Amino acid sequence: MEKPKWMEDESVRHIEPKKLEFLSSLVENGRGKSQKEMMNFFLSRMKYAKANHIDFNSSEIALVVAAIKKYSTPEELKDIEEIMKKAPK
């Protein structure tokens, strides 16, 4: 499977590949879920991240979100905004 373009962006090259792969799976598997499904999905993924020592600082999150948006279609941007609204704060 080919990596999404955002994962190759210069702005995220310093972030560990396992972190980028984790976020890619969140983006891909989070699409089209209801708020309840999204909460369950995020909780299970957060447990996985904790068990595998995957954590992000605020700078990494901002860089990744910007990179994803940079390579997204208008429809994907809409989906991203929906995911971000549903994400636990």
PDB file of N, CA and C in Angstrom:
ATOM      1  N   MET A   1       0.846  -1.195   0.000  1.00  0.00           N
ATOM      2  CA  MET A   1       0.000   0.000   0.000  1.00  0.00           C
ATOM      3  C   MET A   1       0.880   1.244   0.000  1.00  0.00           C
ATOM      4  N   GLU A   2       0.540   2.173  -0.855  1.00  0.00           N
ATOM      5  CA  GLU A   2       1.299   3.411  -0.986  1.00  0.00           C
ATOM      6  C   GLU A   2       0.964   4.368   0.164  1.00  0.00           C
ATOM      7  N   LYS A   3       1.993   5.045   0.642  1.00  0.00           N
ATOM      8  CA  LYS A   3       1.784   6.016   1.716  1.00  0.00           C
ATOM      9  C   LYS A   3       1.041   7.227   1.180  1.00  0.00           C
ATOM     10  N   PRO A   4       0.180   7.807   2.021  1.00  0.00           N
ATOM     11  CA  PRO A   4      -0.461   9.064   1.615  1.00  0.00           C
ATOM     12  C   PRO A   4       0.597  10.152   1.419  1.00  0.00           C
ATOM     13  N   LYS A   5       0.322  11.079   0.516  1.00  0.00           N
ATOM     14  CA  LYS A   5       1.288  12.153   0.211  1.00  0.00           C
ATOM     15  C   LYS A   5       1.670  12.958   1.447  1.00  0.00           C
ATOM     16  N   TRP A   6       0.718  13.163   2.348  1.00  0.00           N
ATOM     17  CA  TRP A   6       1.021  13.998   3.516  1.00  0.00           C
ATOM     18  C   TRP A   6       2.121  13.377   4.374  1.00  0.00           C
ATOM     19  N   MET A   7       2.237  12.055   4.351  1.00  0.00           N
ATOM     20  CA  MET A   7       3.259  11.381   5.151  1.00  0.00           C
ATOM     21  C   MET A   7       4.666  11.615   4.592  1.00  0.00           C
ATOM     22  N   GLU A   8       4.748  12.047   3.346  1.00  0.00           N
ATOM     23  CA  GLU A   8       6.032  12.326   2.707  1.00  0.00           C
ATOM     24  C   GLU A   8       6.378  13.820   2.755  1.00  0.00           C
ATOM     25  N   ASP A   9       5.468  14.630   3.278  1.00  0.00           N
ATOM     26  CA  ASP A   9       5.692  16.075   3.330  1.00  0.00           C
ATOM     27  C   ASP A   9       6.904  16.396   4.202  1.00  0.00           C
ATOM     28  N   GLU A  10       7.684  17.346   3.756  1.00  0.00           N
ATOM     29  CA  GLU A  10       8.901  17.755   4.472  1.00  0.00           C
ATOM     30  C   GLU A  10       8.608  18.168   5.921  1.00  0.00           C
ATOM     31  N   SER A  11       7.458  18.763   6.162  1.00  0.00           N
ATOM     32  CA  SER A  11       7.137  19.273   7.502  1.00  0.00           C
ATOM     33  C   SER A  11       6.965  18.178   8.553  1.00  0.00           C
ATOM     34  N   VAL A  12       6.709  16.933   8.123  1.00  0.00           N
ATOM     35  CA  VAL A  12       6.499  15.847   9.086  1.00  0.00           C
ATOM     36  C   VAL A  12       7.603  14.782   9.040  1.00  0.00           C
ATOM     37  N   ARG A  13       8.631  15.028   8.285  1.00  0.00           N
ATOM     38  CA  ARG A  13       9.695  14.020   8.124  1.00  0.00           C
ATOM     39  C   ARG A  13      10.423  13.692   9.423  1.00  0.00           C
ATOM     40  N   HIS A  14      10.443  14.606  10.359  1.00  0.00           N
ATOM     41  CA  HIS A  14      11.149  14.362  11.630  1.00  0.00           C
ATOM     42  C   HIS A  14      10.300  13.583  12.634  1.00  0.00           C
ATOM     43  N   ILE A  15       9.027  13.370  12.325  1.00  0.00           N
ATOM     44  CA  ILE A  15       8.137  12.634  13.228  1.00  0.00           C
ATOM     45  C   ILE A  15       8.307  11.138  12.953  1.00  0.00           C
ATOM     46  N   GLU A  16       8.378  10.363  14.028  1.00  0.00           N
ATOM     47  CA  GLU A  16       8.583   8.916  13.893  1.00  0.00           C
ATOM     48  C   GLU A  16       7.555   8.289  12.951  1.00  0.00           C
ATOM     49  N   PRO A  17       8.010   7.387  12.064  1.00  0.00           N
ATOM     50  CA  PRO A  17       7.082   6.729  11.133  1.00  0.00           C
ATOM     51  C   PRO A  17       5.925   6.006  11.830  1.00  0.00           C
ATOM     52  N   LYS A  18       6.161   5.379  12.987  1.00  0.00           N
ATOM     53  CA  LYS A  18       5.061   4.670  13.653  1.00  0.00           C
ATOM     54  C   LYS A  18       3.978   5.650  14.100  1.00  0.00           C
ATOM     55  N   LYS A  19       4.364   6.874  14.431  1.00  0.00           N
ATOM     56  CA  LYS A  19       3.375   7.891  14.797  1.00  0.00           C
ATOM     57  C   LYS A  19       2.554   8.292  13.574  1.00  0.00           C
ATOM     58  N   LEU A  20       3.233   8.490  12.449  1.00  0.00           N
ATOM     59  CA  LEU A  20       2.531   8.883  11.229  1.00  0.00           C
ATOM     60  C   LEU A  20       1.594   7.775  10.759  1.00  0.00           C
ATOM     61  N   GLU A  21       2.039   6.540  10.859  1.00  0.00           N
ATOM     62  CA  GLU A  21       1.191   5.418  10.466  1.00  0.00           C
ATOM     63  C   GLU A  21      -0.034   5.306  11.376  1.00  0.00           C
ATOM     64  N   PHE A  22       0.156   5.549  12.658  1.00  0.00           N
ATOM     65  CA  PHE A  22      -0.952   5.530  13.600  1.00  0.00           C
ATOM     66  C   PHE A  22      -1.985   6.594  13.216  1.00  0.00           C
ATOM     67  N   LEU A  23      -1.519   7.796  12.934  1.00  0.00           N
ATOM     68  CA  LEU A  23      -2.438   8.877  12.565  1.00  0.00           C
ATOM     69  C   LEU A  23      -3.118   8.605  11.228  1.00  0.00           C
ATOM     70  N   SER A  24      -2.385   8.022  10.308  1.00  0.00           N
ATOM     71  CA  SER A  24      -2.986   7.679   9.024  1.00  0.00           C
ATOM     72  C   SER A  24      -4.142   6.709   9.217  1.00  0.00           C
ATOM     73  N   SER A  25      -3.952   5.739  10.116  1.00  0.00           N
ATOM     74  CA  SER A  25      -5.030   4.785  10.377  1.00  0.00           C
ATOM     75  C   SER A  25      -6.228   5.473  11.030  1.00  0.00           C
ATOM     76  N   LEU A  26      -5.979   6.479  11.867  1.00  0.00           N
ATOM     77  CA  LEU A  26      -7.090   7.226  12.470  1.00  0.00           C
ATOM     78  C   LEU A  26      -7.892   7.955  11.398  1.00  0.00           C
ATOM     79  N   VAL A  27      -7.181   8.604  10.485  1.00  0.00           N
ATOM     80  CA  VAL A  27      -7.850   9.362   9.428  1.00  0.00           C
ATOM     81  C   VAL A  27      -8.656   8.422   8.536  1.00  0.00           C
ATOM     82  N   GLU A  28      -8.018   7.364   8.077  1.00  0.00           N
ATOM     83  CA  GLU A  28      -8.679   6.441   7.154  1.00  0.00           C
ATOM     84  C   GLU A  28      -9.849   5.708   7.791  1.00  0.00           C
ATOM     85  N   ASN A  29      -9.679   5.244   9.006  1.00  0.00           N
ATOM     86  CA  ASN A  29     -10.716   4.441   9.654  1.00  0.00           C
ATOM     87  C   ASN A  29     -11.747   5.267  10.406  1.00  0.00           C
ATOM     88  N   GLY A  30     -11.517   6.561  10.539  1.00  0.00           N
ATOM     89  CA  GLY A  30     -12.460   7.416  11.242  1.00  0.00           C
ATOM     90  C   GLY A  30     -13.550   7.990  10.360  1.00  0.00           C
ATOM     91  N   ARG A  31     -13.371   7.865   9.068  1.00  0.00           N
ATOM     92  CA  ARG A  31     -14.344   8.445   8.132  1.00  0.00           C
ATOM     93  C   ARG A  31     -15.683   7.729   8.201  1.00  0.00           C
ATOM     94  N   GLY A  32     -16.747   8.549   8.169  1.00  0.00           N
ATOM     95  CA  GLY A  32     -18.090   8.011   8.064  1.00  0.00           C
ATOM     96  C   GLY A  32     -18.685   7.431   9.334  1.00  0.00           C
ATOM     97  N   LYS A  33     -18.027   7.612  10.455  1.00  0.00           N
ATOM     98  CA  LYS A  33     -18.544   7.058  11.707  1.00  0.00           C
ATOM     99  C   LYS A  33     -19.435   8.080  12.410  1.00  0.00           C
ATOM    100  N   SER A  34     -20.438   7.569  13.122  1.00  0.00           N
ATOM    101  CA  SER A  34     -21.286   8.440  13.943  1.00  0.00           C
ATOM    102  C   SER A  34     -20.479   8.888  15.154  1.00  0.00           C
ATOM    103  N   GLN A  35     -21.002   9.833  15.911  1.00  0.00           N
ATOM    104  CA  GLN A  35     -20.292  10.316  17.088  1.00  0.00           C
ATOM    105  C   GLN A  35     -20.042   9.178  18.079  1.00  0.00           C
ATOM    106  N   LYS A  36     -21.036   8.324  18.292  1.00  0.00           N
ATOM    107  CA  LYS A  36     -20.872   7.198  19.213  1.00  0.00           C
ATOM    108  C   LYS A  36     -19.802   6.231  18.704  1.00  0.00           C
ATOM    109  N   GLU A  37     -19.882   5.901  17.415  1.00  0.00           N
ATOM    110  CA  GLU A  37     -18.870   5.019  16.829  1.00  0.00           C
ATOM    111  C   GLU A  37     -17.476   5.644  16.911  1.00  0.00           C
ATOM    112  N   MET A  38     -17.414   6.954  16.686  1.00  0.00           N
ATOM    113  CA  MET A  38     -16.129   7.666  16.729  1.00  0.00           C
ATOM    114  C   MET A  38     -15.536   7.609  18.128  1.00  0.00           C
ATOM    115  N   MET A  39     -16.358   7.788  19.142  1.00  0.00           N
ATOM    116  CA  MET A  39     -15.856   7.745  20.516  1.00  0.00           C
ATOM    117  C   MET A  39     -15.289   6.361  20.829  1.00  0.00           C
ATOM    118  N   ASN A  40     -16.016   5.315  20.482  1.00  0.00           N
ATOM    119  CA  ASN A  40     -15.534   3.950  20.702  1.00  0.00           C
ATOM    120  C   ASN A  40     -14.251   3.691  19.927  1.00  0.00           C
ATOM    121  N   PHE A  41     -14.216   4.151  18.697  1.00  0.00           N
ATOM    122  CA  PHE A  41     -13.039   3.986  17.853  1.00  0.00           C
ATOM    123  C   PHE A  41     -11.837   4.696  18.470  1.00  0.00           C
ATOM    124  N   PHE A  42     -12.020   5.957  18.875  1.00  0.00           N
ATOM    125  CA  PHE A  42     -10.918   6.709  19.467  1.00  0.00           C
ATOM    126  C   PHE A  42     -10.441   6.082  20.771  1.00  0.00           C
ATOM    127  N   LEU A  43     -11.366   5.632  21.580  1.00  0.00           N
ATOM    128  CA  LEU A  43     -10.968   5.006  22.841  1.00  0.00           C
ATOM    129  C   LEU A  43     -10.119   3.765  22.605  1.00  0.00           C
ATOM    130  N   SER A  44     -10.519   2.945  21.647  1.00  0.00           N
ATOM    131  CA  SER A  44      -9.730   1.737  21.360  1.00  0.00           C
ATOM    132  C   SER A  44      -8.371   2.101  20.779  1.00  0.00           C
ATOM    133  N   ARG A  45      -8.331   3.109  19.927  1.00  0.00           N
ATOM    134  CA  ARG A  45      -7.044   3.525  19.335  1.00  0.00           C
ATOM    135  C   ARG A  45      -6.135   4.182  20.372  1.00  0.00           C
ATOM    136  N   MET A  46      -6.733   4.892  21.328  1.00  0.00           N
ATOM    137  CA  MET A  46      -5.918   5.526  22.369  1.00  0.00           C
ATOM    138  C   MET A  46      -5.314   4.468  23.297  1.00  0.00           C
ATOM    139  N   LYS A  47      -6.062   3.416  23.564  1.00  0.00           N
ATOM    140  CA  LYS A  47      -5.519   2.304  24.359  1.00  0.00           C
ATOM    141  C   LYS A  47      -4.342   1.676  23.626  1.00  0.00           C
ATOM    142  N   TYR A  48      -4.497   1.492  22.329  1.00  0.00           N
ATOM    143  CA  TYR A  48      -3.420   0.945  21.515  1.00  0.00           C
ATOM    144  C   TYR A  48      -2.192   1.852  21.570  1.00  0.00           C
ATOM    145  N   ALA A  49      -2.421   3.155  21.417  1.00  0.00           N
ATOM    146  CA  ALA A  49      -1.302   4.108  21.437  1.00  0.00           C
ATOM    147  C   ALA A  49      -0.569   4.070  22.775  1.00  0.00           C
ATOM    148  N   LYS A  50      -1.320   4.038  23.848  1.00  0.00           N
ATOM    149  CA  LYS A  50      -0.707   3.996  25.175  1.00  0.00           C
ATOM    150  C   LYS A  50       0.123   2.725  25.354  1.00  0.00           C
ATOM    151  N   ALA A  51      -0.431   1.597  24.956  1.00  0.00           N
ATOM    152  CA  ALA A  51       0.265   0.316  25.095  1.00  0.00           C
ATOM    153  C   ALA A  51       1.531   0.259  24.246  1.00  0.00           C
ATOM    154  N   ASN A  52       1.541   1.010  23.147  1.00  0.00           N
ATOM    155  CA  ASN A  52       2.680   0.996  22.232  1.00  0.00           C
ATOM    156  C   ASN A  52       3.537   2.259  22.325  1.00  0.00           C
ATOM    157  N   HIS A  53       3.322   3.026  23.393  1.00  0.00           N
ATOM    158  CA  HIS A  53       4.122   4.231  23.671  1.00  0.00           C
ATOM    159  C   HIS A  53       4.124   5.219  22.501  1.00  0.00           C
ATOM    160  N   ILE A  54       2.942   5.443  21.952  1.00  0.00           N
ATOM    161  CA  ILE A  54       2.775   6.411  20.871  1.00  0.00           C
ATOM    162  C   ILE A  54       2.092   7.636  21.464  1.00  0.00           C
ATOM    163  N   ASP A  55       2.834   8.726  21.543  1.00  0.00           N
ATOM    164  CA  ASP A  55       2.238   9.966  22.033  1.00  0.00           C
ATOM    165  C   ASP A  55       2.770  11.129  21.202  1.00  0.00           C
ATOM    166  N   PHE A  56       2.025  12.205  21.227  1.00  0.00           N
ATOM    167  CA  PHE A  56       2.318  13.362  20.389  1.00  0.00           C
ATOM    168  C   PHE A  56       2.354  14.623  21.232  1.00  0.00           C
ATOM    169  N   ASN A  57       3.248  15.530  20.864  1.00  0.00           N
ATOM    170  CA  ASN A  57       3.194  16.847  21.488  1.00  0.00           C
ATOM    171  C   ASN A  57       2.329  17.741  20.591  1.00  0.00           C
ATOM    172  N   SER A  58       1.956  18.893  21.100  1.00  0.00           N
ATOM    173  CA  SER A  58       1.023  19.758  20.361  1.00  0.00           C
ATOM    174  C   SER A  58       1.619  20.225  19.032  1.00  0.00           C
ATOM    175  N   SER A  59       2.926  20.395  18.973  1.00  0.00           N
ATOM    176  CA  SER A  59       3.578  20.819  17.738  1.00  0.00           C
ATOM    177  C   SER A  59       3.458  19.736  16.670  1.00  0.00           C
ATOM    178  N   GLU A  60       3.662  18.492  17.052  1.00  0.00           N
ATOM    179  CA  GLU A  60       3.544  17.384  16.099  1.00  0.00           C
ATOM    180  C   GLU A  60       2.124  17.277  15.558  1.00  0.00           C
ATOM    181  N   ILE A  61       1.163  17.418  16.430  1.00  0.00           N
ATOM    182  CA  ILE A  61      -0.239  17.335  16.002  1.00  0.00           C
ATOM    183  C   ILE A  61      -0.558  18.439  15.006  1.00  0.00           C
ATOM    184  N   ALA A  62      -0.133  19.658  15.311  1.00  0.00           N
ATOM    185  CA  ALA A  62      -0.390  20.786  14.408  1.00  0.00           C
ATOM    186  C   ALA A  62       0.268  20.570  13.044  1.00  0.00           C
ATOM    187  N   LEU A  63       1.498  20.061  13.033  1.00  0.00           N
ATOM    188  CA  LEU A  63       2.199  19.808  11.768  1.00  0.00           C
ATOM    189  C   LEU A  63       1.499  18.733  10.945  1.00  0.00           C
ATOM    190  N   VAL A  64       1.072  17.679  11.602  1.00  0.00           N
ATOM    191  CA  VAL A  64       0.409  16.584  10.895  1.00  0.00           C
ATOM    192  C   VAL A  64      -0.932  17.041  10.328  1.00  0.00           C
ATOM    193  N   VAL A  65      -1.719  17.737  11.120  1.00  0.00           N
ATOM    194  CA  VAL A  65      -3.026  18.210  10.634  1.00  0.00           C
ATOM    195  C   VAL A  65      -2.826  19.140   9.439  1.00  0.00           C
ATOM    196  N   ALA A  66      -1.844  20.032   9.508  1.00  0.00           N
ATOM    197  CA  ALA A  66      -1.571  20.939   8.391  1.00  0.00           C
ATOM    198  C   ALA A  66      -1.146  20.165   7.145  1.00  0.00           C
ATOM    199  N   ALA A  67      -0.292  19.154   7.320  1.00  0.00           N
ATOM    200  CA  ALA A  67       0.154  18.350   6.182  1.00  0.00           C
ATOM    201  C   ALA A  67      -1.009  17.575   5.565  1.00  0.00           C
ATOM    202  N   ILE A  68      -1.861  16.993   6.397  1.00  0.00           N
ATOM    203  CA  ILE A  68      -3.016  16.253   5.876  1.00  0.00           C
ATOM    204  C   ILE A  68      -3.924  17.190   5.086  1.00  0.00           C
ATOM    205  N   LYS A  69      -4.198  18.346   5.641  1.00  0.00           N
ATOM    206  CA  LYS A  69      -5.072  19.308   4.954  1.00  0.00           C
ATOM    207  C   LYS A  69      -4.475  19.768   3.632  1.00  0.00           C
ATOM    208  N   LYS A  70      -3.161  19.939   3.589  1.00  0.00           N
ATOM    209  CA  LYS A  70      -2.458  20.405   2.390  1.00  0.00           C
ATOM    210  C   LYS A  70      -2.719  19.492   1.197  1.00  0.00           C
ATOM    211  N   TYR A  71      -2.829  18.196   1.435  1.00  0.00           N
ATOM    212  CA  TYR A  71      -2.986  17.226   0.359  1.00  0.00           C
ATOM    213  C   TYR A  71      -4.411  16.689   0.216  1.00  0.00           C
ATOM    214  N   SER A  72      -5.356  17.308   0.888  1.00  0.00           N
ATOM    215  CA  SER A  72      -6.738  16.830   0.884  1.00  0.00           C
ATOM    216  C   SER A  72      -7.582  17.527  -0.166  1.00  0.00           C
ATOM    217  N   THR A  73      -8.555  16.776  -0.669  1.00  0.00           N
ATOM    218  CA  THR A  73      -9.551  17.346  -1.577  1.00  0.00           C
ATOM    219  C   THR A  73     -10.560  18.132  -0.736  1.00  0.00           C
ATOM    220  N   PRO A  74     -11.378  18.968  -1.374  1.00  0.00           N
ATOM    221  CA  PRO A  74     -12.406  19.676  -0.604  1.00  0.00           C
ATOM    222  C   PRO A  74     -13.319  18.723   0.179  1.00  0.00           C
ATOM    223  N   GLU A  75     -13.654  17.578  -0.410  1.00  0.00           N
ATOM    224  CA  GLU A  75     -14.508  16.597   0.281  1.00  0.00           C
ATOM    225  C   GLU A  75     -13.769  16.022   1.496  1.00  0.00           C
ATOM    226  N   GLU A  76     -12.502  15.709   1.325  1.00  0.00           N
ATOM    227  CA  GLU A  76     -11.702  15.184   2.436  1.00  0.00           C
ATOM    228  C   GLU A  76     -11.554  16.224   3.542  1.00  0.00           C
ATOM    229  N   LEU A  77     -11.402  17.485   3.157  1.00  0.00           N
ATOM    230  CA  LEU A  77     -11.311  18.553   4.160  1.00  0.00           C
ATOM    231  C   LEU A  77     -12.585  18.615   5.001  1.00  0.00           C
ATOM    232  N   LYS A  78     -13.716  18.440   4.336  1.00  0.00           N
ATOM    233  CA  LYS A  78     -14.994  18.428   5.048  1.00  0.00           C
ATOM    234  C   LYS A  78     -15.029  17.264   6.039  1.00  0.00           C
ATOM    235  N   ASP A  79     -14.588  16.079   5.591  1.00  0.00           N
ATOM    236  CA  ASP A  79     -14.534  14.906   6.471  1.00  0.00           C
ATOM    237  C   ASP A  79     -13.599  15.147   7.657  1.00  0.00           C
ATOM    238  N   ILE A  80     -12.464  15.759   7.392  1.00  0.00           N
ATOM    239  CA  ILE A  80     -11.493  16.052   8.458  1.00  0.00           C
ATOM    240  C   ILE A  80     -12.108  16.969   9.500  1.00  0.00           C
ATOM    241  N   GLU A  81     -12.800  17.988   9.044  1.00  0.00           N
ATOM    242  CA  GLU A  81     -13.440  18.914   9.977  1.00  0.00           C
ATOM    243  C   GLU A  81     -14.475  18.189  10.837  1.00  0.00           C
ATOM    244  N   GLU A  82     -15.222  17.270  10.233  1.00  0.00           N
ATOM    245  CA  GLU A  82     -16.208  16.487  10.986  1.00  0.00           C
ATOM    246  C   GLU A  82     -15.517  15.605  12.024  1.00  0.00           C
ATOM    247  N   ILE A  83     -14.430  14.961  11.627  1.00  0.00           N
ATOM    248  CA  ILE A  83     -13.682  14.121  12.555  1.00  0.00           C
ATOM    249  C   ILE A  83     -13.152  14.967  13.712  1.00  0.00           C
ATOM    250  N   MET A  84     -12.619  16.124  13.390  1.00  0.00           N
ATOM    251  CA  MET A  84     -12.053  16.995  14.429  1.00  0.00           C
ATOM    252  C   MET A  84     -13.141  17.471  15.399  1.00  0.00           C
ATOM    253  N   LYS A  85     -14.335  17.715  14.893  1.00  0.00           N
ATOM    254  CA  LYS A  85     -15.434  18.138  15.763  1.00  0.00           C
ATOM    255  C   LYS A  85     -15.842  17.026  16.718  1.00  0.00           C
ATOM    256  N   LYS A  86     -15.793  15.782  16.241  1.00  0.00           N
ATOM    257  CA  LYS A  86     -16.226  14.635  17.037  1.00  0.00           C
ATOM    258  C   LYS A  86     -15.147  14.115  17.986  1.00  0.00           C
ATOM    259  N   ALA A  87     -13.919  14.510  17.730  1.00  0.00           N
ATOM    260  CA  ALA A  87     -12.801  13.992  18.529  1.00  0.00           C
ATOM    261  C   ALA A  87     -12.901  14.463  19.974  1.00  0.00           C
ATOM    262  N   PRO A  88     -12.566  13.584  20.908  1.00  0.00           N
ATOM    263  CA  PRO A  88     -12.561  13.999  22.319  1.00  0.00           C
ATOM    264  C   PRO A  88     -11.560  15.123  22.525  1.00  0.00           C
ATOM    265  N   LYS A  89     -11.923  16.048  23.351  1.00  0.00           N
ATOM    266  CA  LYS A  89     -11.040  17.196  23.627  1.00  0.00           C
ATOM    267  C   LYS A  89     -10.214  16.946  24.867  1.00  0.00           C
TER     268      LYS A  89
END
